[in-house]
Amino acid sequence: MTPPQRQRRFPTPEPVPQPPQEEQQPPQGPKKNPERLYVITGPDGVERVELDLVTLIVARADPPPSATPEQAALLRLCTAPLSVAELSAYLSLPFSVVTVLLTELVAAELVTVRAPIIRQALADRSLLEAVMHGLQKL
């Protein structure tokens, strides 16, 4: 026995044939950021802050009028703690570019850098016993 074939709820309309054109334009893909990354990051040679992918960033202030669009976007995103990897993904910028932008913001004291929260390998025995006794009383 063969399973029934799936049918679409809303059938797609047949494509309308286009008349042939003399010059074919290349297909326009998604627009990319036209600036080169070195234009966004500014001059090189500045000592970078040691940042990891999971380092948390929190904004201390609103973006100043002198901030670049990328820095303003970083400050708007960082109202709640976000990792550098998340910021890089949200802005569609490489990790190295985001670290340069964050270094400038740290130097201007506009963001706070927090170390990631590291969990202990083993839980505290007294905590586990308290949880066990609480569950037994239920």
N, C-alpha and C. Protein backbone atom coordinates (compact mmCIF):
# COMPACT_ATOMS: atom_id res chain seq x y z
N MET A 1 0.85 -1.17 0.00
CA MET A 1 0.00 0.00 0.00
C MET A 1 0.90 1.24 0.00
N THR A 2 0.60 2.18 -0.84
CA THR A 2 1.42 3.39 -0.92
C THR A 2 0.78 4.49 -0.09
N PRO A 3 1.59 5.32 0.56
CA PRO A 3 1.02 6.41 1.36
C PRO A 3 0.40 7.47 0.47
N PRO A 4 -0.58 8.18 0.98
CA PRO A 4 -1.20 9.23 0.15
C PRO A 4 -0.21 10.36 -0.12
N GLN A 5 -0.36 10.97 -1.26
CA GLN A 5 0.53 12.07 -1.65
C GLN A 5 0.07 13.34 -0.96
N ARG A 6 1.05 14.15 -0.50
CA ARG A 6 0.73 15.42 0.13
C ARG A 6 0.33 16.44 -0.92
N GLN A 7 -0.66 17.23 -0.61
CA GLN A 7 -1.10 18.27 -1.52
C GLN A 7 -0.96 19.62 -0.84
N ARG A 8 -0.63 20.61 -1.62
CA ARG A 8 -0.52 21.96 -1.08
C ARG A 8 -1.90 22.55 -0.84
N ARG A 9 -2.03 23.32 0.24
CA ARG A 9 -3.28 23.99 0.51
C ARG A 9 -3.56 25.08 -0.52
N PHE A 10 -2.50 25.86 -0.78
CA PHE A 10 -2.63 26.96 -1.72
C PHE A 10 -1.69 26.66 -2.89
N PRO A 11 -2.22 26.19 -3.98
CA PRO A 11 -1.34 25.86 -5.11
C PRO A 11 -0.64 27.11 -5.62
N THR A 12 0.61 26.95 -5.99
CA THR A 12 1.38 28.08 -6.53
C THR A 12 0.93 28.36 -7.96
N PRO A 13 0.77 29.63 -8.30
CA PRO A 13 0.34 29.95 -9.67
C PRO A 13 1.46 29.65 -10.66
N GLU A 14 1.03 29.37 -11.87
CA GLU A 14 2.00 29.11 -12.94
C GLU A 14 2.76 30.39 -13.24
N PRO A 15 4.09 30.32 -13.44
CA PRO A 15 4.83 31.54 -13.77
C PRO A 15 4.44 32.05 -15.15
N VAL A 16 4.30 33.37 -15.24
CA VAL A 16 3.93 34.00 -16.50
C VAL A 16 5.17 34.09 -17.37
N PRO A 17 5.13 33.59 -18.60
CA PRO A 17 6.33 33.66 -19.44
C PRO A 17 6.66 35.12 -19.78
N GLN A 18 7.93 35.46 -19.66
CA GLN A 18 8.42 36.80 -19.95
C GLN A 18 8.86 36.87 -21.40
N PRO A 19 8.62 37.98 -22.08
CA PRO A 19 9.14 38.10 -23.44
C PRO A 19 10.65 38.21 -23.39
N PRO A 20 11.35 37.67 -24.37
CA PRO A 20 12.81 37.71 -24.35
C PRO A 20 13.31 39.15 -24.44
N GLN A 21 14.32 39.44 -23.64
CA GLN A 21 14.92 40.77 -23.64
C GLN A 21 16.27 40.68 -24.35
N GLU A 22 16.68 41.82 -24.90
CA GLU A 22 17.95 41.84 -25.63
C GLU A 22 19.15 41.70 -24.71
N GLU A 23 19.17 42.47 -23.62
CA GLU A 23 20.30 42.41 -22.69
C GLU A 23 19.82 41.82 -21.38
N GLN A 24 20.47 40.77 -20.96
CA GLN A 24 20.13 40.14 -19.71
C GLN A 24 20.96 40.77 -18.59
N GLN A 25 20.30 41.25 -17.56
CA GLN A 25 20.99 41.81 -16.39
C GLN A 25 21.39 40.64 -15.49
N PRO A 26 22.57 40.73 -14.85
CA PRO A 26 22.92 39.68 -13.90
C PRO A 26 21.96 39.73 -12.71
N PRO A 27 21.66 38.57 -12.12
CA PRO A 27 20.70 38.56 -11.02
C PRO A 27 21.25 39.36 -9.84
N GLN A 28 20.38 40.16 -9.25
CA GLN A 28 20.77 40.98 -8.10
C GLN A 28 20.57 40.15 -6.84
N GLY A 29 21.65 39.85 -6.15
CA GLY A 29 21.57 39.10 -4.90
C GLY A 29 21.30 40.03 -3.74
N PRO A 30 21.37 39.51 -2.53
CA PRO A 30 21.15 40.38 -1.38
C PRO A 30 22.26 41.42 -1.29
N LYS A 31 21.86 42.62 -0.95
CA LYS A 31 22.81 43.72 -0.87
C LYS A 31 23.76 43.50 0.30
N LYS A 32 25.04 43.63 0.05
CA LYS A 32 26.06 43.50 1.09
C LYS A 32 26.47 44.89 1.54
N ASN A 33 27.12 44.94 2.68
CA ASN A 33 27.62 46.20 3.19
C ASN A 33 28.76 46.66 2.28
N PRO A 34 28.64 47.84 1.66
CA PRO A 34 29.65 48.24 0.68
C PRO A 34 30.98 48.65 1.30
N GLU A 35 30.99 48.99 2.58
CA GLU A 35 32.24 49.43 3.19
C GLU A 35 33.15 48.24 3.46
N ARG A 36 34.42 48.49 3.31
CA ARG A 36 35.40 47.49 3.71
C ARG A 36 35.50 47.49 5.22
N LEU A 37 35.91 46.38 5.79
CA LEU A 37 35.94 46.26 7.24
C LEU A 37 36.95 47.21 7.87
N TYR A 38 38.03 47.54 7.18
CA TYR A 38 39.01 48.45 7.77
C TYR A 38 38.47 49.88 7.84
N VAL A 39 37.45 50.19 7.05
CA VAL A 39 36.82 51.50 7.15
C VAL A 39 35.98 51.57 8.42
N ILE A 40 35.32 50.47 8.76
CA ILE A 40 34.48 50.42 9.95
C ILE A 40 35.33 50.48 11.21
N THR A 41 36.46 49.77 11.23
CA THR A 41 37.24 49.65 12.45
C THR A 41 38.17 50.80 12.68
N GLY A 42 38.48 51.59 11.68
CA GLY A 42 39.36 52.74 11.87
C GLY A 42 40.82 52.34 11.82
N PRO A 43 41.71 53.23 12.29
CA PRO A 43 43.15 52.95 12.20
C PRO A 43 43.55 51.79 13.09
N ASP A 44 44.54 51.04 12.63
CA ASP A 44 45.02 49.89 13.38
C ASP A 44 46.17 50.32 14.27
N GLY A 45 46.61 49.44 15.13
CA GLY A 45 47.73 49.73 16.00
C GLY A 45 47.31 49.97 17.44
N VAL A 46 46.01 49.96 17.71
CA VAL A 46 45.52 50.16 19.06
C VAL A 46 45.51 48.82 19.78
N GLU A 47 45.94 48.82 21.02
CA GLU A 47 45.93 47.59 21.82
C GLU A 47 44.49 47.14 22.05
N ARG A 48 44.19 45.89 21.72
CA ARG A 48 42.83 45.39 21.86
C ARG A 48 42.59 44.83 23.26
N VAL A 49 41.36 44.91 23.69
CA VAL A 49 40.94 44.31 24.95
C VAL A 49 40.84 42.81 24.73
N GLU A 50 41.26 42.02 25.72
CA GLU A 50 41.17 40.57 25.62
C GLU A 50 39.71 40.15 25.76
N LEU A 51 39.10 39.74 24.66
CA LEU A 51 37.71 39.32 24.65
C LEU A 51 37.61 37.89 24.14
N ASP A 52 36.73 37.14 24.75
CA ASP A 52 36.45 35.78 24.34
C ASP A 52 35.08 35.77 23.68
N LEU A 53 34.73 34.69 23.02
CA LEU A 53 33.42 34.61 22.38
C LEU A 53 32.28 34.69 23.38
N VAL A 54 32.51 34.24 24.62
CA VAL A 54 31.44 34.22 25.61
C VAL A 54 31.55 35.36 26.61
N THR A 55 32.43 36.31 26.40
CA THR A 55 32.53 37.48 27.27
C THR A 55 31.26 38.30 27.14
N LEU A 56 30.71 38.71 28.27
CA LEU A 56 29.45 39.46 28.27
C LEU A 56 29.73 40.95 28.22
N ILE A 57 28.93 41.66 27.42
CA ILE A 57 29.07 43.10 27.23
C ILE A 57 27.76 43.76 27.66
N VAL A 58 27.88 44.84 28.46
CA VAL A 58 26.72 45.59 28.91
C VAL A 58 26.99 47.07 28.66
N ALA A 59 26.01 47.76 28.08
CA ALA A 59 26.16 49.20 27.81
C ALA A 59 25.99 49.98 29.11
N ARG A 60 26.80 51.02 29.27
CA ARG A 60 26.70 51.90 30.44
C ARG A 60 25.93 53.17 30.12
N ALA A 61 25.85 53.53 28.86
CA ALA A 61 25.20 54.79 28.47
C ALA A 61 24.58 54.64 27.09
N ASP A 62 23.79 55.62 26.73
CA ASP A 62 23.22 55.66 25.38
C ASP A 62 24.30 56.06 24.39
N PRO A 63 24.11 55.75 23.11
CA PRO A 63 25.12 56.13 22.12
C PRO A 63 25.28 57.65 22.02
N PRO A 64 26.51 58.15 22.07
CA PRO A 64 26.71 59.59 21.91
C PRO A 64 26.52 59.97 20.44
N PRO A 65 26.32 61.25 20.15
CA PRO A 65 26.14 61.66 18.75
C PRO A 65 27.37 61.42 17.89
N SER A 66 28.54 61.35 18.52
CA SER A 66 29.77 61.15 17.75
C SER A 66 30.04 59.68 17.41
N ALA A 67 29.21 58.76 17.89
CA ALA A 67 29.44 57.33 17.66
C ALA A 67 29.13 56.97 16.21
N THR A 68 29.91 56.01 15.69
CA THR A 68 29.64 55.51 14.35
C THR A 68 28.35 54.68 14.37
N PRO A 69 27.75 54.42 13.22
CA PRO A 69 26.51 53.62 13.21
C PRO A 69 26.70 52.23 13.82
N GLU A 70 27.87 51.62 13.59
CA GLU A 70 28.12 50.30 14.15
C GLU A 70 28.24 50.36 15.67
N GLN A 71 28.92 51.39 16.18
CA GLN A 71 29.05 51.54 17.63
C GLN A 71 27.69 51.83 18.26
N ALA A 72 26.89 52.65 17.61
CA ALA A 72 25.55 52.95 18.12
C ALA A 72 24.69 51.69 18.15
N ALA A 73 24.82 50.85 17.13
CA ALA A 73 24.06 49.59 17.10
C ALA A 73 24.52 48.67 18.22
N LEU A 74 25.83 48.62 18.47
CA LEU A 74 26.35 47.81 19.58
C LEU A 74 25.79 48.29 20.90
N LEU A 75 25.79 49.59 21.13
CA LEU A 75 25.29 50.13 22.39
C LEU A 75 23.80 49.89 22.56
N ARG A 76 23.03 49.96 21.48
CA ARG A 76 21.60 49.69 21.58
C ARG A 76 21.33 48.22 21.87
N LEU A 77 22.14 47.34 21.31
CA LEU A 77 21.95 45.91 21.55
C LEU A 77 22.34 45.50 22.97
N CYS A 78 23.28 46.22 23.56
CA CYS A 78 23.86 45.81 24.84
C CYS A 78 23.12 46.36 26.04
N THR A 79 21.86 46.73 25.92
CA THR A 79 21.13 47.18 27.10
C THR A 79 20.99 46.03 28.09
N ALA A 80 20.89 44.81 27.60
CA ALA A 80 20.95 43.60 28.42
C ALA A 80 22.27 42.90 28.09
N PRO A 81 22.83 42.14 29.03
CA PRO A 81 24.12 41.48 28.75
C PRO A 81 24.03 40.54 27.55
N LEU A 82 24.95 40.72 26.59
CA LEU A 82 25.06 39.85 25.42
C LEU A 82 26.51 39.44 25.25
N SER A 83 26.72 38.24 24.73
CA SER A 83 28.09 37.78 24.48
C SER A 83 28.60 38.40 23.19
N VAL A 84 29.91 38.38 23.05
CA VAL A 84 30.54 38.94 21.85
C VAL A 84 30.11 38.14 20.62
N ALA A 85 29.93 36.84 20.77
CA ALA A 85 29.49 36.01 19.65
C ALA A 85 28.09 36.41 19.20
N GLU A 86 27.19 36.70 20.15
CA GLU A 86 25.84 37.12 19.79
C GLU A 86 25.86 38.47 19.08
N LEU A 87 26.67 39.39 19.59
CA LEU A 87 26.78 40.70 18.95
C LEU A 87 27.29 40.57 17.52
N SER A 88 28.28 39.71 17.34
CA SER A 88 28.84 39.49 16.01
C SER A 88 27.78 38.93 15.06
N ALA A 89 26.97 38.02 15.57
CA ALA A 89 25.92 37.43 14.73
C ALA A 89 24.81 38.43 14.42
N TYR A 90 24.39 39.20 15.42
CA TYR A 90 23.32 40.17 15.20
C TYR A 90 23.71 41.26 14.21
N LEU A 91 24.97 41.68 14.25
CA LEU A 91 25.43 42.75 13.36
C LEU A 91 25.98 42.24 12.04
N SER A 92 26.10 40.92 11.89
CA SER A 92 26.66 40.29 10.69
C SER A 92 28.07 40.82 10.40
N LEU A 93 28.86 40.94 11.46
CA LEU A 93 30.25 41.37 11.35
C LEU A 93 31.16 40.29 11.91
N PRO A 94 32.38 40.15 11.40
CA PRO A 94 33.30 39.16 11.95
C PRO A 94 33.66 39.48 13.40
N PHE A 95 34.06 38.46 14.11
CA PHE A 95 34.44 38.58 15.53
C PHE A 95 35.55 39.61 15.71
N SER A 96 36.53 39.62 14.82
CA SER A 96 37.67 40.53 14.97
C SER A 96 37.22 41.99 14.84
N VAL A 97 36.28 42.27 13.96
CA VAL A 97 35.77 43.64 13.79
C VAL A 97 35.01 44.07 15.03
N VAL A 98 34.21 43.16 15.58
CA VAL A 98 33.44 43.49 16.77
C VAL A 98 34.38 43.76 17.95
N THR A 99 35.47 43.00 18.06
CA THR A 99 36.41 43.24 19.16
C THR A 99 37.07 44.61 19.03
N VAL A 100 37.37 45.05 17.82
CA VAL A 100 37.95 46.38 17.62
C VAL A 100 36.94 47.45 18.01
N LEU A 101 35.69 47.29 17.59
CA LEU A 101 34.66 48.26 17.96
C LEU A 101 34.44 48.30 19.46
N LEU A 102 34.44 47.13 20.09
CA LEU A 102 34.25 47.07 21.54
C LEU A 102 35.44 47.67 22.28
N THR A 103 36.65 47.52 21.74
CA THR A 103 37.83 48.12 22.37
C THR A 103 37.68 49.64 22.43
N GLU A 104 37.19 50.23 21.35
CA GLU A 104 36.97 51.68 21.33
C GLU A 104 35.90 52.08 22.35
N LEU A 105 34.85 51.27 22.48
CA LEU A 105 33.79 51.59 23.43
C LEU A 105 34.26 51.40 24.87
N VAL A 106 35.11 50.42 25.13
CA VAL A 106 35.66 50.22 26.47
C VAL A 106 36.57 51.39 26.83
N ALA A 107 37.38 51.85 25.88
CA ALA A 107 38.27 52.98 26.13
C ALA A 107 37.47 54.25 26.43
N ALA A 108 36.32 54.40 25.80
CA ALA A 108 35.46 55.57 26.04
C ALA A 108 34.56 55.36 27.25
N GLU A 109 34.67 54.21 27.93
CA GLU A 109 33.88 53.85 29.11
C GLU A 109 32.38 53.88 28.83
N LEU A 110 31.99 53.41 27.65
CA LEU A 110 30.58 53.32 27.28
C LEU A 110 30.01 51.93 27.51
N VAL A 111 30.88 50.92 27.63
CA VAL A 111 30.43 49.55 27.89
C VAL A 111 31.23 48.95 29.04
N THR A 112 30.64 47.96 29.68
CA THR A 112 31.30 47.20 30.73
C THR A 112 31.51 45.79 30.22
N VAL A 113 32.70 45.26 30.48
CA VAL A 113 33.04 43.90 30.06
C VAL A 113 32.96 43.01 31.29
N ARG A 114 32.18 41.94 31.19
CA ARG A 114 32.04 40.99 32.28
C ARG A 114 32.58 39.64 31.86
N ALA A 115 33.25 38.99 32.78
CA ALA A 115 33.72 37.63 32.51
C ALA A 115 32.51 36.71 32.49
N PRO A 116 32.55 35.66 31.69
CA PRO A 116 31.41 34.73 31.67
C PRO A 116 31.28 33.99 32.99
N ILE A 117 30.05 33.60 33.30
CA ILE A 117 29.78 32.88 34.53
C ILE A 117 30.21 31.43 34.33
N ILE A 118 31.11 30.98 35.17
CA ILE A 118 31.63 29.60 35.07
C ILE A 118 30.98 28.77 36.16
N ARG A 119 30.36 27.70 35.77
CA ARG A 119 29.72 26.82 36.74
C ARG A 119 30.77 25.90 37.35
N GLN A 120 30.52 25.53 38.60
CA GLN A 120 31.41 24.59 39.26
C GLN A 120 31.22 23.21 38.65
N ALA A 121 32.31 22.44 38.66
CA ALA A 121 32.25 21.09 38.09
C ALA A 121 31.32 20.20 38.90
N LEU A 122 31.39 20.29 40.23
CA LEU A 122 30.54 19.49 41.11
C LEU A 122 29.69 20.41 41.97
N ALA A 123 28.45 20.03 42.20
CA ALA A 123 27.57 20.83 43.05
C ALA A 123 27.96 20.63 44.51
N ASP A 124 27.62 21.61 45.34
CA ASP A 124 27.89 21.55 46.77
C ASP A 124 27.05 20.43 47.39
N ARG A 125 27.69 19.61 48.24
CA ARG A 125 27.00 18.47 48.85
C ARG A 125 25.83 18.92 49.71
N SER A 126 26.00 20.00 50.49
CA SER A 126 24.92 20.46 51.37
C SER A 126 23.72 20.93 50.55
N LEU A 127 23.96 21.52 49.40
CA LEU A 127 22.87 21.94 48.54
C LEU A 127 22.11 20.73 48.00
N LEU A 128 22.85 19.71 47.58
CA LEU A 128 22.19 18.50 47.07
C LEU A 128 21.37 17.82 48.16
N GLU A 129 21.89 17.80 49.40
CA GLU A 129 21.15 17.19 50.51
C GLU A 129 19.89 17.99 50.82
N ALA A 130 19.98 19.31 50.77
CA ALA A 130 18.81 20.14 51.04
C ALA A 130 17.73 19.90 49.98
N VAL A 131 18.12 19.78 48.74
CA VAL A 131 17.18 19.51 47.65
C VAL A 131 16.54 18.13 47.85
N MET A 132 17.37 17.16 48.21
CA MET A 132 16.85 15.79 48.41
C MET A 132 15.85 15.76 49.57
N HIS A 133 16.15 16.44 50.69
CA HIS A 133 15.23 16.45 51.82
C HIS A 133 13.95 17.19 51.47
N GLY A 134 14.05 18.27 50.70
CA GLY A 134 12.87 19.00 50.27
C GLY A 134 11.96 18.16 49.40
N LEU A 135 12.57 17.37 48.49
CA LEU A 135 11.78 16.49 47.62
C LEU A 135 11.13 15.36 48.41
N GLN A 136 11.84 14.85 49.42
CA GLN A 136 11.27 13.78 50.24
C GLN A 136 10.08 14.27 51.03
N LYS A 137 10.05 15.54 51.44
CA LYS A 137 8.94 16.07 52.22
C LYS A 137 7.69 16.29 51.38
N LEU A 138 7.86 16.32 50.05
CA LEU A 138 6.69 16.52 49.19
C LEU A 138 5.82 15.34 49.25
